[in-house]
């Protein structure tokens, strides 16, 4: 639990992998950093991160793998990603159900969607209607499945509430 301050405008020309976890990002915009200062970035992972910026907006010609897990976005915020080379996308519990998400990519092959899916708010623009692997959870509704015509591998994660049953043995007299 510490606050991470992003560096001032400085180029990270050789950076290919960036993983940030368990922190508050203050005094900067990670989307701007990735979009303008990391021209060779291929892999971006944000896990358990609270953003100071209201929106997460990323534009990258090189990004191929994007993982957003438990990224806190303000209630009026949004996630916008324009990265034509993304082949792997994991979106896991980012903001609330009402946070708009737009991902623009033409190469999507593997999608892990552990987030509410509302086609009015959540858009996969440019992605083919056929996908190699789709991993979804019980709270992703059927609209996500209708988004694709063909899926080679489907992994559906279900959660069931555990109910504690109390058993009283019969009394014998």
C-alpha atoms as a PDB file:
ATOM      1  CA  UNK A   1       0.000   0.000   0.000  1.00  0.00           C
ATOM      2  CA  UNK A   2       2.057   2.856  -1.284  1.00  0.00           C
ATOM      3  CA  UNK A   3       1.600   5.640  -3.778  1.00  0.00           C
ATOM      4  CA  UNK A   4       3.569   5.480  -7.005  1.00  0.00           C
ATOM      5  CA  UNK A   5       4.390   8.696  -8.803  1.00  0.00           C
ATOM      6  CA  UNK A   6       4.891   8.289 -12.538  1.00  0.00           C
ATOM      7  CA  UNK A   7       8.047   9.882 -13.912  1.00  0.00           C
ATOM      8  CA  UNK A   8       7.882  13.191 -15.754  1.00  0.00           C
ATOM      9  CA  UNK A   9       7.952  13.180 -19.543  1.00  0.00           C
ATOM     10  CA  UNK A  10      10.798  10.837 -20.294  1.00  0.00           C
ATOM     11  CA  UNK A  11      10.973   8.246 -23.047  1.00  0.00           C
ATOM     12  CA  UNK A  12      11.159   4.558 -22.227  1.00  0.00           C
ATOM     13  CA  UNK A  13      12.111   3.577 -25.778  1.00  0.00           C
ATOM     14  CA  UNK A  14      13.292   0.045 -24.971  1.00  0.00           C
ATOM     15  CA  UNK A  15      10.606  -0.906 -22.414  1.00  0.00           C
ATOM     16  CA  UNK A  16       8.659  -3.998 -23.546  1.00  0.00           C
ATOM     17  CA  UNK A  17       6.928  -5.154 -20.338  1.00  0.00           C
ATOM     18  CA  UNK A  18       5.309  -2.977 -17.664  1.00  0.00           C
ATOM     19  CA  UNK A  19       3.585  -4.501 -14.639  1.00  0.00           C
ATOM     20  CA  UNK A  20       2.242  -2.329 -11.845  1.00  0.00           C
ATOM     21  CA  UNK A  21       0.439  -3.880  -8.889  1.00  0.00           C
ATOM     22  CA  UNK A  22      -0.937  -3.058  -5.443  1.00  0.00           C
ATOM     23  CA  UNK A  23      -0.498   0.698  -5.540  1.00  0.00           C
ATOM     24  CA  UNK A  24      -2.168   4.065  -5.978  1.00  0.00           C
ATOM     25  CA  UNK A  25      -0.988   5.886  -9.092  1.00  0.00           C
ATOM     26  CA  UNK A  26      -0.760   9.578  -8.296  1.00  0.00           C
ATOM     27  CA  UNK A  27       0.554  12.590 -10.106  1.00  0.00           C
ATOM     28  CA  UNK A  28       0.394  11.117 -13.579  1.00  0.00           C
ATOM     29  CA  UNK A  29      -1.568   9.241 -16.163  1.00  0.00           C
ATOM     30  CA  UNK A  30      -0.471   5.688 -16.970  1.00  0.00           C
ATOM     31  CA  UNK A  31      -2.431   5.803 -20.220  1.00  0.00           C
ATOM     32  CA  UNK A  32      -0.518   8.860 -21.352  1.00  0.00           C
ATOM     33  CA  UNK A  33       2.775   7.257 -20.272  1.00  0.00           C
ATOM     34  CA  UNK A  34       2.080   4.109 -22.308  1.00  0.00           C
ATOM     35  CA  UNK A  35       0.693   5.991 -25.305  1.00  0.00           C
ATOM     36  CA  UNK A  36       3.450   8.582 -25.663  1.00  0.00           C
ATOM     37  CA  UNK A  37       6.584   7.305 -23.920  1.00  0.00           C
ATOM     38  CA  UNK A  38       6.670   3.534 -24.500  1.00  0.00           C
ATOM     39  CA  UNK A  39       6.823   2.939 -28.271  1.00  0.00           C
ATOM     40  CA  UNK A  40       7.879  -0.728 -27.969  1.00  0.00           C
ATOM     41  CA  UNK A  41       5.666  -1.798 -25.076  1.00  0.00           C
ATOM     42  CA  UNK A  42       4.150  -5.233 -25.781  1.00  0.00           C
ATOM     43  CA  UNK A  43       2.813  -6.275 -22.381  1.00  0.00           C
ATOM     44  CA  UNK A  44       0.940  -4.060 -19.897  1.00  0.00           C
ATOM     45  CA  UNK A  45      -0.478  -5.384 -16.655  1.00  0.00           C
ATOM     46  CA  UNK A  46      -2.219  -3.325 -13.965  1.00  0.00           C
ATOM     47  CA  UNK A  47      -3.384  -5.281 -10.913  1.00  0.00           C
ATOM     48  CA  UNK A  48      -4.955  -3.876  -7.743  1.00  0.00           C
ATOM     49  CA  UNK A  49      -4.253  -0.322  -8.873  1.00  0.00           C
ATOM     50  CA  UNK A  50      -6.183   2.814  -7.943  1.00  0.00           C
ATOM     51  CA  UNK A  51      -5.956   5.494 -10.618  1.00  0.00           C
ATOM     52  CA  UNK A  52      -5.902   9.155  -9.698  1.00  0.00           C
ATOM     53  CA  UNK A  53      -6.896  10.043 -13.272  1.00  0.00           C
ATOM     54  CA  UNK A  54     -10.625   9.734 -13.985  1.00  0.00           C
ATOM     55  CA  UNK A  55     -10.114   7.763 -17.203  1.00  0.00           C
ATOM     56  CA  UNK A  56      -7.724   5.162 -18.543  1.00  0.00           C
ATOM     57  CA  UNK A  57      -7.047   5.927 -22.197  1.00  0.00           C
ATOM     58  CA  UNK A  58      -4.349   3.982 -24.054  1.00  0.00           C
ATOM     59  CA  UNK A  59      -3.289   4.203 -27.684  1.00  0.00           C
ATOM     60  CA  UNK A  60      -0.459   1.906 -28.741  1.00  0.00           C
ATOM     61  CA  UNK A  61       0.671   0.391 -32.019  1.00  0.00           C
ATOM     62  CA  UNK A  62       2.890  -2.192 -30.286  1.00  0.00           C
ATOM     63  CA  UNK A  63       0.773  -3.448 -27.358  1.00  0.00           C
ATOM     64  CA  UNK A  64      -0.107  -7.144 -27.737  1.00  0.00           C
ATOM     65  CA  UNK A  65      -1.098  -8.213 -24.220  1.00  0.00           C
ATOM     66  CA  UNK A  66      -3.231  -6.153 -21.836  1.00  0.00           C
ATOM     67  CA  UNK A  67      -4.283  -7.242 -18.349  1.00  0.00           C
ATOM     68  CA  UNK A  68      -6.453  -4.981 -16.179  1.00  0.00           C
ATOM     69  CA  UNK A  69      -7.328  -6.618 -12.836  1.00  0.00           C
ATOM     70  CA  UNK A  70      -9.145  -4.757 -10.080  1.00  0.00           C
ATOM     71  CA  UNK A  71      -8.261  -1.335 -11.443  1.00  0.00           C
ATOM     72  CA  UNK A  72     -10.192   1.372  -9.602  1.00  0.00           C
ATOM     73  CA  UNK A  73     -11.758   3.879 -11.963  1.00  0.00           C
ATOM     74  CA  UNK A  74     -13.929   6.773 -10.798  1.00  0.00           C
ATOM     75  CA  UNK A  75     -17.663   6.167 -11.178  1.00  0.00           C
ATOM     76  CA  UNK A  76     -17.901   8.660 -14.066  1.00  0.00           C
ATOM     77  CA  UNK A  77     -14.661   7.394 -15.608  1.00  0.00           C
ATOM     78  CA  UNK A  78     -14.097   5.163 -18.606  1.00  0.00           C
ATOM     79  CA  UNK A  79     -11.568   2.787 -20.161  1.00  0.00           C
ATOM     80  CA  UNK A  80     -10.593   3.364 -23.802  1.00  0.00           C
ATOM     81  CA  UNK A  81      -7.929   1.289 -25.530  1.00  0.00           C
ATOM     82  CA  UNK A  82      -6.924   1.631 -29.175  1.00  0.00           C
ATOM     83  CA  UNK A  83      -4.278  -0.999 -29.877  1.00  0.00           C
ATOM     84  CA  UNK A  84      -4.640  -2.895 -33.151  1.00  0.00           C
ATOM     85  CA  UNK A  85      -2.139  -5.622 -32.185  1.00  0.00           C
ATOM     86  CA  UNK A  86      -3.769  -6.779 -28.919  1.00  0.00           C
ATOM     87  CA  UNK A  87      -4.224 -10.526 -29.143  1.00  0.00           C
ATOM     88  CA  UNK A  88      -4.700 -11.157 -25.382  1.00  0.00           C
ATOM     89  CA  UNK A  89      -7.054  -9.108 -23.231  1.00  0.00           C
ATOM     90  CA  UNK A  90      -7.998  -9.758 -19.601  1.00  0.00           C
ATOM     91  CA  UNK A  91     -10.520  -7.452 -17.956  1.00  0.00           C
ATOM     92  CA  UNK A  92     -11.242  -8.380 -14.363  1.00  0.00           C
ATOM     93  CA  UNK A  93     -13.457  -6.292 -12.042  1.00  0.00           C
ATOM     94  CA  UNK A  94     -12.473  -2.819 -13.227  1.00  0.00           C
ATOM     95  CA  UNK A  95     -14.711  -0.119 -11.878  1.00  0.00           C
ATOM     96  CA  UNK A  96     -18.402  -0.775 -11.529  1.00  0.00           C
ATOM     97  CA  UNK A  97     -20.883  -2.227 -13.968  1.00  0.00           C
ATOM     98  CA  UNK A  98     -21.545   1.239 -15.356  1.00  0.00           C
ATOM     99  CA  UNK A  99     -17.948   2.088 -16.323  1.00  0.00           C
ATOM    100  CA  UNK A 100     -17.851   2.248 -20.139  1.00  0.00           C
ATOM    101  CA  UNK A 101     -15.128   0.152 -21.782  1.00  0.00           C
ATOM    102  CA  UNK A 102     -14.095   0.401 -25.431  1.00  0.00           C
ATOM    103  CA  UNK A 103     -11.342  -1.824 -26.772  1.00  0.00           C
ATOM    104  CA  UNK A 104     -10.371  -1.297 -30.422  1.00  0.00           C
ATOM    105  CA  UNK A 105      -8.240  -4.126 -31.801  1.00  0.00           C
ATOM    106  CA  UNK A 106      -8.193  -6.302 -34.895  1.00  0.00           C
ATOM    107  CA  UNK A 107      -6.075  -9.213 -33.612  1.00  0.00           C
ATOM    108  CA  UNK A 108      -7.986 -10.393 -30.519  1.00  0.00           C
ATOM    109  CA  UNK A 109      -7.528 -14.139 -30.063  1.00  0.00           C
ATOM    110  CA  UNK A 110      -7.900 -14.641 -26.311  1.00  0.00           C
ATOM    111  CA  UNK A 111     -10.371 -12.796 -24.080  1.00  0.00           C
ATOM    112  CA  UNK A 112     -10.742 -13.176 -20.340  1.00  0.00           C
ATOM    113  CA  UNK A 113     -13.806 -11.221 -19.260  1.00  0.00           C
ATOM    114  CA  UNK A 114     -14.433 -11.269 -15.513  1.00  0.00           C
ATOM    115  CA  UNK A 115     -16.560  -8.160 -15.550  1.00  0.00           C
ATOM    116  CA  UNK A 116     -20.204  -7.362 -16.115  1.00  0.00           C
ATOM    117  CA  UNK A 117     -20.927  -7.155 -19.851  1.00  0.00           C
ATOM    118  CA  UNK A 118     -23.438  -4.706 -21.245  1.00  0.00           C
ATOM    119  CA  UNK A 119     -23.155  -4.244 -25.035  1.00  0.00           C
ATOM    120  CA  UNK A 120     -24.375  -0.650 -24.664  1.00  0.00           C
ATOM    121  CA  UNK A 121     -21.383   0.179 -22.433  1.00  0.00           C
ATOM    122  CA  UNK A 122     -18.763  -2.427 -23.297  1.00  0.00           C
ATOM    123  CA  UNK A 123     -17.465  -2.538 -26.863  1.00  0.00           C
ATOM    124  CA  UNK A 124     -14.913  -4.699 -28.651  1.00  0.00           C
ATOM    125  CA  UNK A 125     -14.436  -2.678 -31.825  1.00  0.00           C
ATOM    126  CA  UNK A 126     -12.690  -4.219 -34.809  1.00  0.00           C
ATOM    127  CA  UNK A 127     -12.415  -7.627 -33.133  1.00  0.00           C
ATOM    128  CA  UNK A 128     -13.359 -10.562 -35.307  1.00  0.00           C
ATOM    129  CA  UNK A 129     -16.550 -12.458 -34.512  1.00  0.00           C
ATOM    130  CA  UNK A 130     -14.467 -15.622 -34.136  1.00  0.00           C
ATOM    131  CA  UNK A 131     -12.124 -15.992 -31.199  1.00  0.00           C
ATOM    132  CA  UNK A 132      -9.705 -18.705 -30.173  1.00  0.00           C
ATOM    133  CA  UNK A 133     -10.291 -18.670 -26.392  1.00  0.00           C
ATOM    134  CA  UNK A 134     -12.992 -17.030 -24.284  1.00  0.00           C
ATOM    135  CA  UNK A 135     -12.935 -17.170 -20.489  1.00  0.00           C
ATOM    136  CA  UNK A 136     -15.983 -15.688 -18.806  1.00  0.00           C
ATOM    137  CA  UNK A 137     -17.603 -15.748 -15.401  1.00  0.00           C
ATOM    138  CA  UNK A 138     -21.133 -16.253 -14.240  1.00  0.00           C
ATOM    139  CA  UNK A 139     -21.902 -12.539 -14.097  1.00  0.00           C
ATOM    140  CA  UNK A 140     -20.999 -11.991 -17.741  1.00  0.00           C
ATOM    141  CA  UNK A 141     -24.369 -12.241 -19.381  1.00  0.00           C
ATOM    142  CA  UNK A 142     -25.401 -13.969 -22.594  1.00  0.00           C
ATOM    143  CA  UNK A 143     -24.750 -10.805 -24.639  1.00  0.00           C
ATOM    144  CA  UNK A 144     -21.014 -11.498 -24.362  1.00  0.00           C
ATOM    145  CA  UNK A 145     -21.489 -14.957 -25.855  1.00  0.00           C
ATOM    146  CA  UNK A 146     -23.630 -13.531 -28.668  1.00  0.00           C
ATOM    147  CA  UNK A 147     -20.788 -11.130 -29.488  1.00  0.00           C
ATOM    148  CA  UNK A 148     -18.919 -14.065 -31.086  1.00  0.00           C
ATOM    149  CA  UNK A 149     -20.106 -16.460 -33.807  1.00  0.00           C
ATOM    150  CA  UNK A 150     -17.425 -19.054 -33.099  1.00  0.00           C
ATOM    151  CA  UNK A 151     -15.233 -19.829 -30.092  1.00  0.00           C
ATOM    152  CA  UNK A 152     -12.607 -22.590 -30.257  1.00  0.00           C
ATOM    153  CA  UNK A 153     -12.213 -22.897 -26.492  1.00  0.00           C
ATOM    154  CA  UNK A 154     -14.751 -21.720 -23.933  1.00  0.00           C
ATOM    155  CA  UNK A 155     -14.013 -21.660 -20.225  1.00  0.00           C
ATOM    156  CA  UNK A 156     -16.989 -20.674 -18.116  1.00  0.00           C
ATOM    157  CA  UNK A 157     -16.238 -20.025 -14.457  1.00  0.00           C
ATOM    158  CA  UNK A 158     -19.155 -20.541 -12.130  1.00  0.00           C
ATOM    159  CA  UNK A 159     -19.361 -19.675  -8.473  1.00  0.00           C
ATOM    160  CA  UNK A 160     -21.809 -21.258  -6.128  1.00  0.00           C
ATOM    161  CA  UNK A 161     -22.655 -20.042  -2.684  1.00  0.00           C
ATOM    162  CA  UNK A 162     -21.776 -22.545  -0.056  1.00  0.00           C
ATOM    163  CA  UNK A 163     -24.694 -23.242   2.207  1.00  0.00           C
ATOM    164  CA  UNK A 164     -23.991 -24.536   5.638  1.00  0.00           C
ATOM    165  CA  UNK A 165     -26.380 -27.350   6.393  1.00  0.00           C
ATOM    166  CA  UNK A 166     -26.944 -28.261   9.966  1.00  0.00           C
ATOM    167  CA  UNK A 167     -27.681 -31.878  10.488  1.00  0.00           C
ATOM    168  CA  UNK A 168     -29.260 -33.106  13.668  1.00  0.00           C
ATOM    169  CA  UNK A 169     -29.184 -36.854  14.088  1.00  0.00           C
ATOM    170  CA  UNK A 170     -32.510 -38.371  15.031  1.00  0.00           C
ATOM    171  CA  UNK A 171     -33.099 -38.962  18.709  1.00  0.00           C
ATOM    172  CA  UNK A 172     -33.517 -42.635  19.467  1.00  0.00           C
ATOM    173  CA  UNK A 173     -35.575 -43.599  22.451  1.00  0.00           C
END
